[in-house]
Amino acid sequence: MFRMLSKAILLATVIFSLPGWSVASTEVQATRWNVIFILLDDLGATDFGCTGSRFYETPHIDRLAAQGMRFTQGYAACTVCSPTRAAVMTGKYPARLHITDWIKGHVRPKAKLRIPDWTMYLPLEEVTIAERLRLAGYATAHVGKWHLGDPPYYPEHQGFDINIGGTHMGAPGSYFWPYGKDDRRVPLDGGQEGEYLTDRLTDEAIRFIEQHKDRPFFLYFAHYAVHTPLQAKPELVAYYEKKLAEAAAKGDNFDGQQCPVYAAMIHSVDENMGRLLECLDRLDLAERTVIFLTSDNGGLVLPACQNRPVTHNIGIRAGKGSAYEGGVRVPWIVRWPGVVAPGSLCHEPVISIDAYPTILEITGVADAEGHICDGVSLVPLLKQQGNFPKRALYWHYPHYHPGGATPYSAVRDGDWKLIEFFEDHHVELYNLKDDPQESQDLASQLPEKAESLRRQLHRWREEVGAQLPTPNPDYQPE
């Protein structure tokens, strides 16, 4: 309670001391950039038309990419959701936060390694991007999935004026009204039979924009889609079933993307992106609103859709819950009107932790004094000018996951990627430029390169205070 009261007092003090700010003064505020950060759930790197899919139809998202910049080497900070969400909020690596698995994670009491005592919430002491923007006079709203702890750690205590639909849950009980039951229900009232969650959340996002169109706003729109349960509107499922059957008759399997329900869920996400863009156009906000669109981890490929993979991450290995590219490679799109060249592509690797410093630079808001930020602002890349620093990217997942991951750390430096697996400490080395599918392990052929990257990875783990798994005395090999 003291922590929340302190935040409120600081907010009031800073806002009323901002130069030129007053309750009645919106002229200066109206010239500042609005920011919409859209985070999809379990959306794979090749699940949009603009990123390679021929089965899923995403014309509105493709238009967004055509109006902005698409990063071809975009990454999530983790192979599962909660750590990436914490990274977006704070600009810190999940390993530094000790939030290293989805909350509350899998329990493997007989596994070879015992997982560390990790943090299952985003501490209130952490500085979030919403807190920084709210202190600068922004209206802030969280819409959708939170999944960063129980009620004391909900969005309304982390810098958001409004929290719509954000709870401890990692997935809805249902995508149809009333969206589940008991503690598996998304808390949205006033619905009706047949109402679809992706539509309803967009209704709420549009309502927030309409109510705050005359002042700068930050909207963190974290869809529950396209996470399981796989549920979509029947008419859209039928459309994709027909599309799949017609293609199968011609011998086309759509590169392995063959789940009609999942396709229909993506279709609804895209339709609602169109509604959001139309709202911005209608309110004359489009030209002063920056939009980010990405995902919290790679696409889910476990066979849970008519005995077929939920999705297929075309051209990259594995999927959600994996140490490989399919687990962490995701779409990254930014539309910044008048600044980003329409239809531009960037091949520089970027990652979730970069959102925090990028948004601060775009909005001209200073970071908190003493705040550690592991990310780097992408503004030089977005403007296609200036020097972007060369840096390595890191992942740390000291956990087990049904998607295939055993405890591991990884580093990408340039074209090289090294993965260290903790059960036996063996490493795998890949050149992602020559071998994006990670099919040829070069560790034995290039031992010096592998050892150099391993030492680099160990130094980073020490720097961020990464927690490590330990031998499990209860280990049972069977």
Protein backbone atom coordinates (compact mmCIF):
# COMPACT_ATOMS: atom_id res chain seq x y z
CA MET A 1 0.00 0.00 0.00
CA PHE A 2 2.83 2.40 0.84
CA ARG A 3 4.45 1.61 -2.52
CA MET A 4 1.22 2.43 -4.40
CA LEU A 5 0.65 5.61 -2.37
CA SER A 6 4.21 6.74 -3.07
CA LYS A 7 3.68 6.21 -6.79
CA ALA A 8 0.49 8.30 -6.69
CA ILE A 9 2.17 11.18 -4.84
CA LEU A 10 5.13 11.13 -7.22
CA LEU A 11 2.77 11.12 -10.20
CA ALA A 12 0.89 14.18 -9.00
CA THR A 13 4.09 16.04 -8.14
CA VAL A 14 5.76 15.40 -11.47
CA ILE A 15 2.72 16.07 -13.66
CA PHE A 16 1.88 19.40 -12.09
CA SER A 17 5.51 20.50 -12.30
CA LEU A 18 5.90 19.72 -16.00
CA PRO A 19 6.72 22.88 -17.98
CA GLY A 20 3.60 24.37 -19.55
CA TRP A 21 1.30 21.75 -18.06
CA SER A 22 -2.05 22.51 -16.51
CA VAL A 23 -5.35 20.70 -16.21
CA ALA A 24 -6.88 22.91 -18.89
CA SER A 25 -3.83 22.98 -21.14
CA THR A 26 -3.85 20.34 -23.89
CA GLU A 27 -2.30 22.33 -26.73
CA VAL A 28 1.24 21.14 -26.00
CA GLN A 29 0.09 17.61 -25.21
CA ALA A 30 -1.79 17.28 -28.48
CA THR A 31 1.46 17.63 -30.42
CA ARG A 32 3.13 14.67 -28.73
CA TRP A 33 3.24 11.21 -30.23
CA ASN A 34 0.63 8.72 -29.15
CA VAL A 35 1.89 5.15 -28.82
CA ILE A 36 0.02 1.88 -29.36
CA PHE A 37 1.99 -1.24 -28.53
CA ILE A 38 0.24 -4.39 -29.76
CA LEU A 39 1.52 -7.69 -28.39
CA LEU A 40 0.08 -10.88 -29.83
CA ASP A 41 0.30 -14.19 -28.01
CA ASP A 42 2.03 -17.25 -29.54
CA LEU A 43 2.05 -15.61 -32.99
CA GLY A 44 4.76 -17.16 -35.16
CA ALA A 45 7.34 -15.34 -37.23
CA THR A 46 5.70 -16.39 -40.53
CA ASP A 47 2.04 -16.09 -39.55
CA PHE A 48 1.29 -12.92 -41.56
CA GLY A 49 0.99 -12.60 -45.29
CA CYS A 50 3.79 -10.01 -45.25
CA THR A 51 6.07 -12.46 -43.38
CA GLY A 52 5.54 -15.44 -45.66
CA SER A 53 2.18 -17.12 -45.03
CA ARG A 54 0.03 -18.12 -47.99
CA PHE A 55 -2.70 -19.70 -45.84
CA TYR A 56 -3.44 -17.03 -43.24
CA GLU A 57 -5.00 -13.84 -44.62
CA THR A 58 -3.86 -10.60 -42.98
CA PRO A 59 -4.51 -7.68 -45.38
CA HIS A 60 -4.78 -5.01 -42.66
CA ILE A 61 -1.56 -6.06 -40.94
CA ASP A 62 0.15 -6.31 -44.31
CA ARG A 63 -0.99 -2.72 -44.99
CA LEU A 64 0.44 -1.65 -41.63
CA ALA A 65 3.78 -3.16 -42.63
CA ALA A 66 3.60 -1.45 -46.02
CA GLN A 67 3.14 1.87 -44.25
CA GLY A 68 6.02 1.33 -41.84
CA MET A 69 9.11 -0.77 -41.21
CA ARG A 70 9.23 -4.53 -40.90
CA PHE A 71 12.15 -6.09 -39.04
CA THR A 72 13.11 -9.40 -40.63
CA GLN A 73 15.21 -10.45 -37.62
CA GLY A 74 12.75 -9.71 -34.82
CA TYR A 75 12.95 -11.62 -31.54
CA ALA A 76 11.02 -12.14 -28.34
CA ALA A 77 12.99 -11.99 -25.10
CA CYS A 78 11.94 -15.53 -24.18
CA THR A 79 10.50 -18.68 -25.66
CA VAL A 80 7.41 -18.28 -23.43
CA CYS A 81 5.16 -15.37 -22.56
CA SER A 82 5.52 -13.86 -19.06
CA PRO A 83 9.27 -13.13 -19.31
CA THR A 84 8.79 -11.32 -22.62
CA ARG A 85 5.96 -9.24 -21.17
CA ALA A 86 8.16 -8.21 -18.25
CA ALA A 87 10.94 -7.33 -20.70
CA VAL A 88 8.62 -5.08 -22.73
CA MET A 89 7.47 -3.30 -19.59
CA THR A 90 10.95 -2.68 -18.13
CA GLY A 91 13.53 -2.86 -20.92
CA LYS A 92 15.37 -5.53 -18.91
CA TYR A 93 16.36 -9.05 -19.83
CA PRO A 94 14.17 -11.66 -18.10
CA ALA A 95 17.34 -13.14 -16.59
CA ARG A 96 18.05 -9.86 -14.79
CA LEU A 97 14.48 -9.73 -13.50
CA HIS A 98 14.56 -13.42 -12.49
CA ILE A 99 11.23 -13.78 -14.35
CA THR A 100 12.33 -16.63 -16.56
CA ASP A 101 9.25 -18.80 -17.21
CA TRP A 102 5.55 -18.35 -17.83
CA ILE A 103 3.84 -17.73 -14.52
CA LYS A 104 3.56 -20.14 -12.73
CA GLY A 105 5.55 -22.50 -14.93
CA HIS A 106 5.80 -26.26 -15.29
CA VAL A 107 6.71 -28.47 -12.32
CA ARG A 108 9.12 -31.31 -13.10
CA PRO A 109 10.04 -32.71 -9.66
CA LYS A 110 11.87 -35.74 -11.08
CA ALA A 111 13.79 -33.97 -13.85
CA LYS A 112 17.59 -34.07 -13.99
CA LEU A 113 17.87 -30.43 -12.88
CA ARG A 114 16.06 -28.47 -10.21
CA ILE A 115 14.93 -25.08 -11.45
CA PRO A 116 15.95 -21.97 -9.49
CA ASP A 117 13.66 -20.10 -7.10
CA TRP A 118 12.53 -17.60 -9.72
CA THR A 119 10.18 -14.59 -9.39
CA MET A 120 6.52 -15.15 -10.29
CA TYR A 121 5.43 -11.50 -10.54
CA LEU A 122 6.64 -8.14 -11.80
CA PRO A 123 7.84 -6.35 -8.64
CA LEU A 124 6.28 -2.96 -7.95
CA GLU A 125 9.79 -1.58 -7.46
CA GLU A 126 10.49 -2.09 -11.16
CA VAL A 127 10.06 0.99 -13.35
CA THR A 128 7.65 0.33 -16.22
CA ILE A 129 7.24 2.17 -19.49
CA ALA A 130 3.67 3.01 -18.43
CA GLU A 131 4.94 4.70 -15.26
CA ARG A 132 7.40 6.83 -17.20
CA LEU A 133 4.78 7.93 -19.73
CA ARG A 134 2.10 8.59 -17.13
CA LEU A 135 4.50 10.80 -15.20
CA ALA A 136 4.96 12.76 -18.41
CA GLY A 137 1.24 13.39 -18.75
CA TYR A 138 0.18 10.47 -20.89
CA ALA A 139 -3.12 8.65 -20.42
CA THR A 140 -2.20 4.98 -20.06
CA ALA A 141 -4.29 1.87 -20.63
CA HIS A 142 -3.70 -1.84 -20.54
CA VAL A 143 -6.12 -3.93 -22.60
CA GLY A 144 -5.95 -7.72 -22.71
CA LYS A 145 -3.51 -10.21 -21.25
CA TRP A 146 -1.22 -9.26 -18.33
CA HIS A 147 0.08 -12.53 -16.82
CA LEU A 148 2.67 -10.90 -14.57
CA GLY A 149 1.46 -11.89 -11.14
CA ASP A 150 -1.55 -11.91 -8.85
CA PRO A 151 -3.79 -8.89 -8.00
CA PRO A 152 -1.20 -6.84 -6.03
CA TYR A 153 0.89 -6.76 -9.23
CA TYR A 154 -1.87 -6.03 -11.75
CA PRO A 155 -1.52 -3.24 -14.38
CA GLU A 156 -3.32 -0.62 -12.28
CA HIS A 157 -0.41 -0.83 -9.83
CA GLN A 158 2.24 -0.67 -12.57
CA GLY A 159 1.56 2.69 -14.20
CA PHE A 160 -1.71 2.09 -16.03
CA ASP A 161 -4.69 4.37 -15.43
CA ILE A 162 -6.99 1.69 -16.81
CA ASN A 163 -6.79 -2.10 -16.79
CA ILE A 164 -9.25 -3.92 -19.02
CA GLY A 165 -9.09 -7.70 -18.98
CA GLY A 166 -5.65 -8.09 -17.44
CA THR A 167 -5.32 -10.69 -14.67
CA HIS A 168 -3.04 -13.49 -13.50
CA MET A 169 -4.26 -15.67 -16.37
CA GLY A 170 -2.13 -16.77 -19.27
CA ALA A 171 -5.08 -17.73 -21.45
CA PRO A 172 -8.83 -17.16 -21.48
CA GLY A 173 -11.20 -19.87 -20.32
CA SER A 174 -13.04 -19.27 -23.59
CA TYR A 175 -12.88 -16.83 -26.52
CA PHE A 176 -16.68 -16.60 -26.44
CA TRP A 177 -18.80 -14.73 -23.90
CA PRO A 178 -18.65 -14.99 -20.90
CA TYR A 179 -14.98 -15.84 -21.63
CA GLY A 180 -14.67 -18.71 -19.17
CA LYS A 181 -15.75 -19.13 -15.58
CA ASP A 182 -14.43 -18.72 -12.06
CA ASP A 183 -10.71 -17.89 -11.96
CA ARG A 184 -10.39 -18.81 -15.66
CA ARG A 185 -12.70 -16.02 -16.81
CA VAL A 186 -11.55 -12.80 -18.46
CA PRO A 187 -13.33 -10.14 -16.33
CA LEU A 188 -15.33 -8.30 -18.98
CA ASP A 189 -18.95 -7.52 -18.14
CA GLY A 190 -21.87 -6.49 -20.30
CA GLY A 191 -21.34 -9.01 -23.06
CA GLN A 192 -23.81 -11.17 -24.89
CA GLU A 193 -23.99 -14.66 -26.35
CA GLY A 194 -21.77 -15.09 -29.39
CA GLU A 195 -19.50 -12.15 -28.53
CA TYR A 196 -15.88 -12.89 -29.45
CA LEU A 197 -13.04 -11.87 -27.14
CA THR A 198 -10.77 -10.42 -29.84
CA ASP A 199 -13.64 -8.18 -31.01
CA ARG A 200 -14.53 -7.13 -27.46
CA LEU A 201 -10.99 -6.19 -26.52
CA THR A 202 -10.78 -4.06 -29.66
CA ASP A 203 -14.04 -2.39 -28.69
CA GLU A 204 -12.44 -1.47 -25.37
CA ALA A 205 -9.23 -0.24 -27.02
CA ILE A 206 -11.21 1.97 -29.41
CA ARG A 207 -13.28 3.33 -26.54
CA PHE A 208 -10.11 4.33 -24.70
CA ILE A 209 -8.75 6.08 -27.79
CA GLU A 210 -12.00 7.95 -28.36
CA GLN A 211 -12.10 9.10 -24.74
CA HIS A 212 -8.48 10.33 -24.77
CA LYS A 213 -8.12 11.64 -28.30
CA ASP A 214 -7.33 15.17 -27.05
CA ARG A 215 -4.27 14.22 -24.99
CA PRO A 216 -1.28 11.96 -25.59
CA PHE A 217 -1.97 8.35 -24.79
CA PHE A 218 -0.13 5.04 -24.41
CA LEU A 219 -2.19 1.96 -25.19
CA TYR A 220 -0.66 -1.42 -24.39
CA PHE A 221 -2.95 -3.76 -26.31
CA ALA A 222 -1.99 -7.32 -25.40
CA HIS A 223 -4.29 -9.71 -27.24
CA TYR A 224 -5.04 -13.09 -25.72
CA ALA A 225 -5.12 -14.34 -29.30
CA VAL A 226 -3.80 -16.51 -30.80
CA HIS A 227 -3.08 -18.56 -27.67
CA THR A 228 -5.05 -21.72 -26.97
CA PRO A 229 -7.86 -22.67 -26.53
CA LEU A 230 -8.23 -22.84 -30.29
CA GLN A 231 -11.63 -21.22 -30.80
CA ALA A 232 -12.83 -19.04 -33.66
CA LYS A 233 -15.99 -17.82 -35.34
CA PRO A 234 -17.67 -20.75 -37.14
CA GLU A 235 -18.06 -18.91 -40.45
CA LEU A 236 -14.33 -18.13 -40.55
CA VAL A 237 -13.39 -21.69 -39.68
CA ALA A 238 -15.60 -22.90 -42.53
CA TYR A 239 -13.92 -20.45 -44.90
CA TYR A 240 -10.45 -21.79 -44.11
CA GLU A 241 -11.59 -25.42 -44.16
CA LYS A 242 -12.78 -24.84 -47.71
CA LYS A 243 -9.56 -23.06 -48.63
CA LEU A 244 -7.52 -25.93 -47.21
CA ALA A 245 -9.57 -28.59 -49.00
CA GLU A 246 -9.34 -26.80 -52.35
CA ALA A 247 -5.58 -26.47 -52.00
CA ALA A 248 -5.17 -30.11 -50.90
CA ALA A 249 -6.95 -31.22 -54.07
CA LYS A 250 -4.14 -29.49 -55.98
CA GLY A 251 -1.40 -30.98 -53.81
CA ASP A 252 -0.72 -27.74 -51.90
CA ASN A 253 -0.22 -28.01 -48.12
CA PHE A 254 0.41 -24.27 -47.59
CA ASP A 255 3.99 -24.94 -46.43
CA GLY A 256 2.70 -26.85 -43.41
CA GLN A 257 0.28 -24.21 -42.11
CA GLN A 258 -2.95 -26.20 -42.09
CA CYS A 259 -5.09 -25.45 -39.02
CA PRO A 260 -8.38 -23.77 -40.06
CA VAL A 261 -9.26 -22.73 -36.51
CA TYR A 262 -5.90 -21.06 -35.94
CA ALA A 263 -6.17 -19.37 -39.34
CA ALA A 264 -9.59 -18.04 -38.36
CA MET A 265 -8.20 -16.68 -35.07
CA ILE A 266 -5.49 -14.80 -36.98
CA HIS A 267 -8.18 -13.56 -39.39
CA SER A 268 -10.09 -12.02 -36.46
CA VAL A 269 -6.94 -10.37 -35.16
CA ASP A 270 -6.39 -8.85 -38.59
CA GLU A 271 -9.99 -7.66 -38.94
CA ASN A 272 -9.68 -5.91 -35.60
CA MET A 273 -6.40 -4.34 -36.63
CA GLY A 274 -8.38 -2.85 -39.49
CA ARG A 275 -10.96 -1.50 -37.03
CA LEU A 276 -8.21 0.06 -34.91
CA LEU A 277 -6.59 1.72 -37.92
CA GLU A 278 -9.98 3.01 -39.08
CA CYS A 279 -10.54 4.53 -35.65
CA LEU A 280 -7.26 6.42 -35.85
CA ASP A 281 -8.13 7.68 -39.33
CA ARG A 282 -11.63 8.72 -38.26
CA LEU A 283 -10.33 10.71 -35.28
CA ASP A 284 -7.47 12.28 -37.30
CA LEU A 285 -4.96 10.58 -35.00
CA ALA A 286 -3.17 8.35 -37.50
CA GLU A 287 -0.47 10.86 -38.39
CA ARG A 288 0.58 11.36 -34.78
CA THR A 289 0.29 7.79 -33.50
CA VAL A 290 3.17 5.29 -33.52
CA ILE A 291 2.15 1.64 -33.70
CA PHE A 292 4.28 -1.33 -32.66
CA LEU A 293 3.21 -4.89 -33.47
CA THR A 294 5.03 -8.01 -32.30
CA SER A 295 4.56 -11.29 -30.41
CA ASP A 296 5.59 -12.64 -27.01
CA ASN A 297 7.21 -15.83 -28.34
CA GLY A 298 7.35 -17.99 -31.43
CA GLY A 299 4.44 -19.89 -32.93
CA LEU A 300 3.05 -22.96 -31.20
CA VAL A 301 3.67 -26.15 -33.19
CA LEU A 302 2.54 -28.89 -30.82
CA PRO A 303 0.04 -31.19 -32.61
CA ALA A 304 -3.15 -29.85 -31.09
CA CYS A 305 -5.21 -29.06 -34.21
CA GLN A 306 -6.80 -32.10 -35.87
CA ASN A 307 -3.52 -33.99 -35.34
CA ARG A 308 -1.63 -31.28 -37.20
CA PRO A 309 0.68 -28.56 -35.83
CA VAL A 310 -1.14 -25.47 -34.61
CA THR A 311 1.07 -23.45 -36.93
CA HIS A 312 4.29 -23.99 -38.85
CA ASN A 313 7.18 -21.56 -38.56
CA ILE A 314 8.22 -21.64 -42.18
CA GLY A 315 11.97 -21.90 -42.75
CA ILE A 316 12.99 -21.95 -39.08
CA ARG A 317 13.32 -24.73 -36.54
CA ALA A 318 10.75 -25.80 -33.92
CA GLY A 319 8.40 -23.41 -32.07
CA LYS A 320 7.22 -22.04 -28.74
CA GLY A 321 9.03 -23.53 -25.77
CA SER A 322 12.11 -24.39 -27.82
CA ALA A 323 15.73 -23.21 -27.70
CA TYR A 324 15.73 -22.78 -31.48
CA GLU A 325 14.67 -19.91 -33.73
CA GLY A 326 11.06 -21.02 -33.92
CA GLY A 327 10.77 -20.43 -30.19
CA VAL A 328 11.91 -16.81 -30.20
CA ARG A 329 11.70 -15.41 -33.75
CA VAL A 330 8.62 -13.21 -34.09
CA PRO A 331 7.18 -10.50 -36.35
CA TRP A 332 8.26 -6.93 -35.57
CA ILE A 333 6.48 -4.05 -37.31
CA VAL A 334 6.62 -0.31 -36.52
CA ARG A 335 4.55 2.40 -38.22
CA TRP A 336 5.77 5.92 -37.41
CA PRO A 337 4.07 8.32 -39.85
CA GLY A 338 6.29 10.89 -41.50
CA VAL A 339 9.42 9.36 -39.99
CA VAL A 340 9.65 5.71 -41.07
CA ALA A 341 9.87 5.20 -44.81
CA PRO A 342 6.79 3.26 -45.97
CA GLY A 343 7.52 -0.35 -46.92
CA SER A 344 11.01 -0.32 -45.47
CA LEU A 345 12.79 -3.45 -44.27
CA CYS A 346 15.44 -3.73 -41.58
CA HIS A 347 17.63 -6.81 -41.20
CA GLU A 348 19.22 -5.81 -37.89
CA PRO A 349 18.33 -8.21 -35.03
CA VAL A 350 15.99 -6.53 -32.53
CA ILE A 351 14.35 -7.86 -29.36
CA SER A 352 11.58 -7.15 -26.84
CA ILE A 353 13.81 -5.20 -24.45
CA ASP A 354 14.30 -2.57 -27.18
CA ALA A 355 10.67 -1.42 -26.94
CA TYR A 356 11.19 0.49 -23.68
CA PRO A 357 14.06 2.80 -24.78
CA THR A 358 12.57 3.21 -28.26
CA ILE A 359 9.24 4.46 -26.91
CA LEU A 360 11.00 6.81 -24.50
CA GLU A 361 13.06 8.35 -27.31
CA ILE A 362 10.06 8.69 -29.63
CA THR A 363 8.03 10.45 -26.94
CA GLY A 364 10.92 12.51 -25.61
CA VAL A 365 10.40 11.17 -22.10
CA ALA A 366 13.45 10.65 -19.89
CA ASP A 367 14.17 7.34 -18.21
CA ALA A 368 14.15 7.11 -14.45
CA GLU A 369 17.44 8.03 -12.81
CA GLY A 370 19.48 4.93 -12.10
CA HIS A 371 17.18 2.63 -14.07
CA ILE A 372 19.05 -0.21 -15.75
CA CYS A 373 17.90 -0.75 -19.32
CA ASP A 374 19.32 -3.64 -21.32
CA GLY A 375 17.58 -2.60 -24.52
CA VAL A 376 18.73 -0.18 -27.19
CA SER A 377 16.58 2.46 -28.87
CA LEU A 378 15.65 1.50 -32.42
CA VAL A 379 15.12 5.12 -33.48
CA PRO A 380 18.34 5.22 -35.60
CA LEU A 381 17.12 2.14 -37.48
CA LEU A 382 13.62 3.52 -37.87
CA LYS A 383 14.99 6.79 -39.24
CA GLN A 384 17.60 4.92 -41.30
CA GLN A 385 20.27 7.29 -40.12
CA GLY A 386 23.01 7.32 -37.53
CA ASN A 387 25.02 4.43 -36.19
CA PHE A 388 23.24 1.58 -34.48
CA PRO A 389 25.50 -0.12 -31.93
CA LYS A 390 26.73 -3.63 -32.62
CA ARG A 391 25.59 -5.85 -29.83
CA ALA A 392 24.80 -9.46 -29.01
CA LEU A 393 21.37 -10.75 -27.99
CA TYR A 394 20.84 -13.23 -25.16
CA TRP A 395 18.26 -15.69 -23.88
CA HIS A 396 18.15 -17.58 -20.59
CA TYR A 397 15.60 -20.27 -19.82
CA PRO A 398 16.59 -22.42 -16.80
CA HIS A 399 13.35 -24.43 -17.07
CA TYR A 400 11.67 -27.36 -18.82
CA HIS A 401 8.87 -26.94 -21.36
CA PRO A 402 6.64 -29.35 -23.31
CA GLY A 403 7.70 -27.50 -26.46
CA GLY A 404 11.04 -29.27 -26.19
CA ALA A 405 13.21 -26.95 -24.12
CA THR A 406 15.42 -28.27 -21.40
CA PRO A 407 17.26 -25.64 -19.34
CA TYR A 408 19.47 -23.54 -21.62
CA SER A 409 21.09 -20.18 -22.37
CA ALA A 410 21.79 -18.78 -25.82
CA VAL A 411 23.62 -15.92 -27.47
CA ARG A 412 23.34 -14.45 -30.95
CA ASP A 413 26.30 -12.34 -32.04
CA GLY A 414 26.17 -11.28 -35.67
CA ASP A 415 25.29 -14.32 -37.76
CA TRP A 416 26.42 -16.73 -35.05
CA LYS A 417 24.19 -18.37 -32.48
CA LEU A 418 25.38 -20.58 -29.64
CA ILE A 419 23.10 -22.57 -27.33
CA GLU A 420 24.36 -24.07 -24.07
CA PHE A 421 22.23 -26.86 -22.60
CA PHE A 422 22.55 -27.16 -18.82
CA GLU A 423 21.72 -30.86 -18.40
CA ASP A 424 25.07 -31.91 -19.85
CA HIS A 425 26.60 -28.48 -20.71
CA HIS A 426 27.02 -29.37 -24.36
CA VAL A 427 26.83 -26.49 -26.84
CA GLU A 428 25.47 -26.16 -30.35
CA LEU A 429 26.73 -23.56 -32.81
CA TYR A 430 24.89 -22.30 -35.88
CA ASN A 431 25.48 -19.72 -38.57
CA LEU A 432 22.02 -18.23 -39.07
CA LYS A 433 22.91 -16.51 -42.32
CA ASP A 434 23.98 -19.72 -44.03
CA ASP A 435 21.70 -22.04 -42.05
CA PRO A 436 18.55 -20.28 -40.78
CA GLN A 437 16.95 -23.67 -40.05
CA GLU A 438 19.72 -24.55 -37.58
CA SER A 439 20.26 -27.89 -39.27
CA GLN A 440 24.08 -28.03 -39.10
CA ASP A 441 25.72 -27.85 -35.68
CA LEU A 442 29.22 -26.42 -36.21
CA ALA A 443 30.45 -26.65 -32.61
CA SER A 444 32.81 -29.56 -33.27
CA GLN A 445 34.09 -28.05 -36.52
CA LEU A 446 34.71 -24.59 -35.03
CA PRO A 447 35.66 -25.25 -31.39
CA GLU A 448 37.43 -21.92 -30.90
CA LYS A 449 34.40 -19.96 -32.10
CA ALA A 450 32.14 -22.03 -29.89
CA GLU A 451 34.33 -21.54 -26.84
CA SER A 452 34.58 -17.79 -27.43
CA LEU A 453 30.79 -17.45 -27.57
CA ARG A 454 30.41 -19.70 -24.53
CA ARG A 455 32.70 -17.42 -22.50
CA GLN A 456 30.77 -14.40 -23.76
CA LEU A 457 27.52 -16.02 -22.68
CA HIS A 458 28.92 -16.81 -19.22
CA ARG A 459 30.08 -13.21 -18.75
CA TRP A 460 26.62 -11.95 -19.61
CA ARG A 461 24.97 -14.34 -17.15
CA GLU A 462 27.25 -13.09 -14.40
CA GLU A 463 26.57 -9.46 -15.34
CA VAL A 464 22.78 -9.79 -15.12
CA GLY A 465 22.80 -12.16 -12.14
CA ALA A 466 21.12 -14.99 -14.03
CA GLN A 467 19.82 -17.82 -11.88
CA LEU A 468 21.06 -21.30 -12.74
CA PRO A 469 19.45 -24.71 -12.28
CA THR A 470 21.11 -27.16 -9.89
CA PRO A 471 21.39 -30.97 -9.77
CA ASN A 472 18.16 -32.55 -8.59
CA PRO A 473 18.63 -35.11 -5.77
CA ASP A 474 15.22 -36.57 -6.67
CA TYR A 475 16.13 -37.18 -10.29
CA GLN A 476 14.58 -40.26 -11.87
CA PRO A 477 15.78 -40.92 -15.44
CA GLU A 478 12.59 -42.76 -16.43
